[in-house]
Amino acid sequence: MIPNGVDLPATVRDSQPENSSVLRLLYLGRLDKIKGIENLLAAMHLCEPTVTLAICGDSSNGYIASLRDLTDKLKLTTRVRFEGHIAGEAKSRYLADSDVLVMPSFGESFGMSVAEALSHGLPVIASKGTPWSEVETVGCGLWVENDPQSLAEAIERIRQMPLAEMGRRGREWMSREFSWDVIAGKMFKVYEGLVKQPHDG
């Protein structure tokens, strides 16, 4: 199966200084129960208070209200921000101003926000409900269970890792295997093969 392609920005994000005490997490995508956002909020409750989270996305069914209630219940209102739907330059700014993207989903066929983050040089934590096991092979992220304890442990672990170097690896991977030129070439070969197949008649 040919995967989705991703646009590579002209410039790589500026990494946060290595000695910064704050780890800025980003969730980017639709707000829905299948996305595992409750588990991410519960993980935030287990993490050090120097971990912050921006949740970018919206829901069509009022689900965001339950997430805000949980944020209040867990006393995370000073560390978790709900930013609504973002796109274009605003999305690029959030990717540039974050340290790690987290996708805690229970199920994804691709997970476009992971590819977008990596293309911007942003390391990722992806759950095993996503098809992104290769982030660990490539060395640009962690692939973990999406229960709160596992997510919290991954968050604390990744903050000790070389995030800028991981981001570079992720961007190089996206350029090598997921850029539109590469995807177009794969599609061309598929169609070429179909045209060359013998036909009955």
Protein backbone atom coordinates (compact mmCIF):
# COMPACT_ATOMS: atom_id res chain seq x y z
CA MET A 1 0.00 0.00 0.00
CA ILE A 2 1.28 3.45 -0.89
CA PRO A 3 1.28 5.75 2.17
CA ASN A 4 0.19 9.37 2.31
CA GLY A 5 2.72 11.99 1.31
CA VAL A 6 3.79 14.94 3.42
CA ASP A 7 4.95 18.45 2.64
CA LEU A 8 8.40 19.28 3.95
CA PRO A 9 8.77 22.86 5.19
CA ALA A 10 11.68 24.84 3.79
CA THR A 11 13.25 25.29 7.22
CA VAL A 12 13.57 23.04 10.25
CA ARG A 13 12.11 24.15 13.58
CA ASP A 14 14.36 25.87 16.08
CA SER A 15 14.97 23.47 18.94
CA GLN A 16 14.51 24.53 22.53
CA PRO A 17 17.76 25.06 24.45
CA GLU A 18 19.00 21.77 25.87
CA ASN A 19 19.09 23.19 29.40
CA SER A 20 15.43 24.25 29.42
CA SER A 21 13.49 22.76 32.32
CA VAL A 22 10.13 22.81 30.50
CA LEU A 23 9.00 20.09 28.10
CA ARG A 24 6.33 21.37 25.68
CA LEU A 25 4.05 18.62 24.40
CA LEU A 26 1.66 18.98 21.47
CA TYR A 27 -1.46 17.00 20.56
CA LEU A 28 -2.63 17.77 17.03
CA GLY A 29 -5.76 16.29 15.51
CA ARG A 30 -9.46 15.63 15.84
CA LEU A 31 -10.84 15.42 19.37
CA ASP A 32 -12.59 12.07 19.71
CA LYS A 33 -12.69 9.19 22.22
CA ILE A 34 -10.69 6.95 19.87
CA LYS A 35 -7.77 9.39 20.10
CA GLY A 36 -6.99 8.46 23.71
CA ILE A 37 -6.76 12.05 24.92
CA GLU A 38 -8.11 11.14 28.37
CA ASN A 39 -5.12 8.85 28.81
CA LEU A 40 -2.78 11.65 27.81
CA LEU A 41 -4.36 13.98 30.38
CA ALA A 42 -4.06 11.27 33.04
CA ALA A 43 -0.40 10.86 32.04
CA MET A 44 0.12 14.58 32.43
CA HIS A 45 -1.16 14.26 36.00
CA LEU A 46 1.62 11.71 36.65
CA CYS A 47 4.38 13.84 35.09
CA GLU A 48 6.49 16.56 36.60
CA PRO A 49 4.80 20.00 36.66
CA THR A 50 7.40 21.26 34.18
CA VAL A 51 5.62 19.32 31.41
CA THR A 52 3.01 21.34 29.49
CA LEU A 53 0.54 20.32 26.78
CA ALA A 54 -1.16 22.21 23.94
CA ILE A 55 -4.22 20.41 22.54
CA CYS A 56 -4.95 21.59 19.01
CA GLY A 57 -8.12 20.33 17.39
CA ASP A 58 -11.87 20.48 17.69
CA SER A 59 -14.86 18.15 17.98
CA SER A 60 -18.26 18.23 16.36
CA ASN A 61 -20.11 16.56 19.25
CA GLY A 62 -19.20 18.65 22.27
CA TYR A 63 -16.66 16.07 23.42
CA ILE A 64 -14.20 18.83 24.24
CA ALA A 65 -16.35 19.75 27.27
CA SER A 66 -15.58 16.39 28.90
CA LEU A 67 -11.87 16.92 28.27
CA ARG A 68 -12.01 20.35 29.89
CA ASP A 69 -13.86 18.84 32.87
CA LEU A 70 -11.18 16.17 33.24
CA THR A 71 -8.46 18.82 33.01
CA ASP A 72 -10.13 20.70 35.85
CA LYS A 73 -10.57 17.52 37.91
CA LEU A 74 -6.88 16.63 37.53
CA LYS A 75 -5.85 20.22 38.39
CA LEU A 76 -4.04 20.66 35.08
CA THR A 77 -5.53 23.97 33.98
CA THR A 78 -2.19 25.82 34.32
CA ARG A 79 -0.36 23.18 32.25
CA VAL A 80 -2.88 22.20 29.56
CA ARG A 81 -4.18 24.61 26.90
CA PHE A 82 -7.03 23.96 24.47
CA GLU A 83 -6.21 25.89 21.30
CA GLY A 84 -9.00 24.79 18.96
CA HIS A 85 -8.57 24.02 15.27
CA ILE A 86 -5.35 25.24 13.65
CA ALA A 87 -4.12 25.10 10.06
CA GLY A 88 -1.54 26.59 7.70
CA GLU A 89 0.96 28.98 9.23
CA ALA A 90 -0.63 28.64 12.68
CA LYS A 91 -0.03 24.89 12.59
CA SER A 92 3.58 25.43 11.57
CA ARG A 93 4.05 27.84 14.49
CA TYR A 94 2.74 25.30 16.99
CA LEU A 95 5.02 22.62 15.55
CA ALA A 96 7.94 25.04 15.82
CA ASP A 97 7.10 26.02 19.39
CA SER A 98 6.76 22.47 20.75
CA ASP A 99 9.31 19.86 21.80
CA VAL A 100 7.44 16.59 21.25
CA LEU A 101 4.21 15.58 19.50
CA VAL A 102 2.13 12.94 21.30
CA MET A 103 -0.42 10.74 19.50
CA PRO A 104 -2.04 8.43 22.11
CA SER A 105 -4.68 7.03 19.75
CA PHE A 106 -6.41 3.65 20.12
CA GLY A 107 -6.48 3.23 16.34
CA GLU A 108 -5.08 5.00 13.27
CA SER A 109 -4.68 3.86 9.68
CA PHE A 110 -1.89 6.41 9.17
CA GLY A 111 -1.80 9.32 11.62
CA MET A 112 -1.02 12.36 9.50
CA SER A 113 -0.01 14.56 12.43
CA VAL A 114 2.94 12.24 13.15
CA ALA A 115 4.23 12.68 9.61
CA GLU A 116 3.67 16.45 9.79
CA ALA A 117 5.55 16.70 13.08
CA LEU A 118 8.50 14.66 11.81
CA SER A 119 8.66 16.70 8.62
CA HIS A 120 9.08 19.79 10.82
CA GLY A 121 11.86 18.13 12.81
CA LEU A 122 9.67 17.40 15.85
CA PRO A 123 10.19 14.05 17.66
CA VAL A 124 7.09 12.03 18.52
CA ILE A 125 5.56 9.69 21.07
CA ALA A 126 3.09 7.46 19.22
CA SER A 127 0.91 4.79 20.77
CA LYS A 128 0.80 1.20 19.59
CA GLY A 129 -2.66 1.97 18.23
CA THR A 130 -0.85 3.77 15.40
CA PRO A 131 1.27 2.25 12.61
CA TRP A 132 4.38 4.23 13.60
CA SER A 133 6.61 1.55 15.16
CA GLU A 134 9.46 2.70 12.91
CA VAL A 135 9.95 5.90 14.90
CA GLU A 136 12.02 3.80 17.29
CA THR A 137 13.96 2.06 14.51
CA VAL A 138 14.78 5.39 12.88
CA GLY A 139 15.52 6.98 16.26
CA CYS A 140 13.07 9.87 16.08
CA GLY A 141 10.54 8.92 18.73
CA LEU A 142 8.96 6.33 21.03
CA TRP A 143 6.23 3.78 20.24
CA VAL A 144 4.44 2.81 23.44
CA GLU A 145 1.24 1.50 24.99
CA ASN A 146 -1.37 4.21 25.42
CA ASP A 147 -2.26 3.69 29.07
CA PRO A 148 -1.49 6.66 31.34
CA GLN A 149 1.48 5.05 33.11
CA SER A 150 3.20 4.05 29.85
CA LEU A 151 2.62 7.49 28.35
CA ALA A 152 3.94 9.23 31.48
CA GLU A 153 7.05 7.03 31.49
CA ALA A 154 7.61 7.77 27.79
CA ILE A 155 7.25 11.51 28.39
CA GLU A 156 9.79 11.46 31.22
CA ARG A 157 12.11 9.25 29.18
CA ILE A 158 12.03 11.34 26.02
CA ARG A 159 12.85 14.56 27.85
CA GLN A 160 16.26 13.01 28.63
CA MET A 161 16.90 12.20 24.96
CA PRO A 162 18.62 14.34 22.27
CA LEU A 163 15.48 15.93 20.84
CA ALA A 164 17.18 18.09 18.21
CA GLU A 165 19.08 15.11 16.80
CA MET A 166 15.93 12.99 16.84
CA GLY A 167 14.09 15.73 14.99
CA ARG A 168 16.74 15.77 12.26
CA ARG A 169 16.47 12.01 11.85
CA GLY A 170 12.70 12.27 11.56
CA ARG A 171 12.85 14.98 8.92
CA GLU A 172 15.41 13.03 6.90
CA TRP A 173 13.15 9.96 7.08
CA MET A 174 10.15 11.91 5.84
CA SER A 175 12.22 13.35 2.98
CA ARG A 176 13.54 9.91 2.07
CA GLU A 177 10.28 7.94 2.16
CA PHE A 178 7.25 10.24 2.44
CA SER A 179 7.94 13.36 0.36
CA TRP A 180 5.49 13.90 -2.48
CA ASP A 181 8.19 13.30 -5.09
CA VAL A 182 8.85 9.87 -3.61
CA ILE A 183 5.15 9.04 -3.27
CA ALA A 184 4.46 10.19 -6.84
CA GLY A 185 7.24 7.92 -8.07
CA LYS A 186 5.71 4.94 -6.26
CA MET A 187 2.27 5.72 -7.70
CA PHE A 188 3.73 6.00 -11.19
CA LYS A 189 5.29 2.54 -10.88
CA VAL A 190 1.99 1.04 -9.74
CA TYR A 191 0.06 2.54 -12.68
CA GLU A 192 2.85 1.62 -15.07
CA GLY A 193 2.62 -1.96 -13.90
CA LEU A 194 -1.15 -2.00 -14.40
CA VAL A 195 -0.83 -0.65 -17.95
CA LYS A 196 1.76 -3.29 -18.86
CA GLN A 197 -0.34 -6.17 -17.61
CA PRO A 198 -1.67 -8.42 -20.43
CA HIS A 199 -5.40 -8.11 -21.09
CA ASP A 200 -7.75 -10.84 -22.30
CA GLY A 201 -9.62 -10.03 -25.43
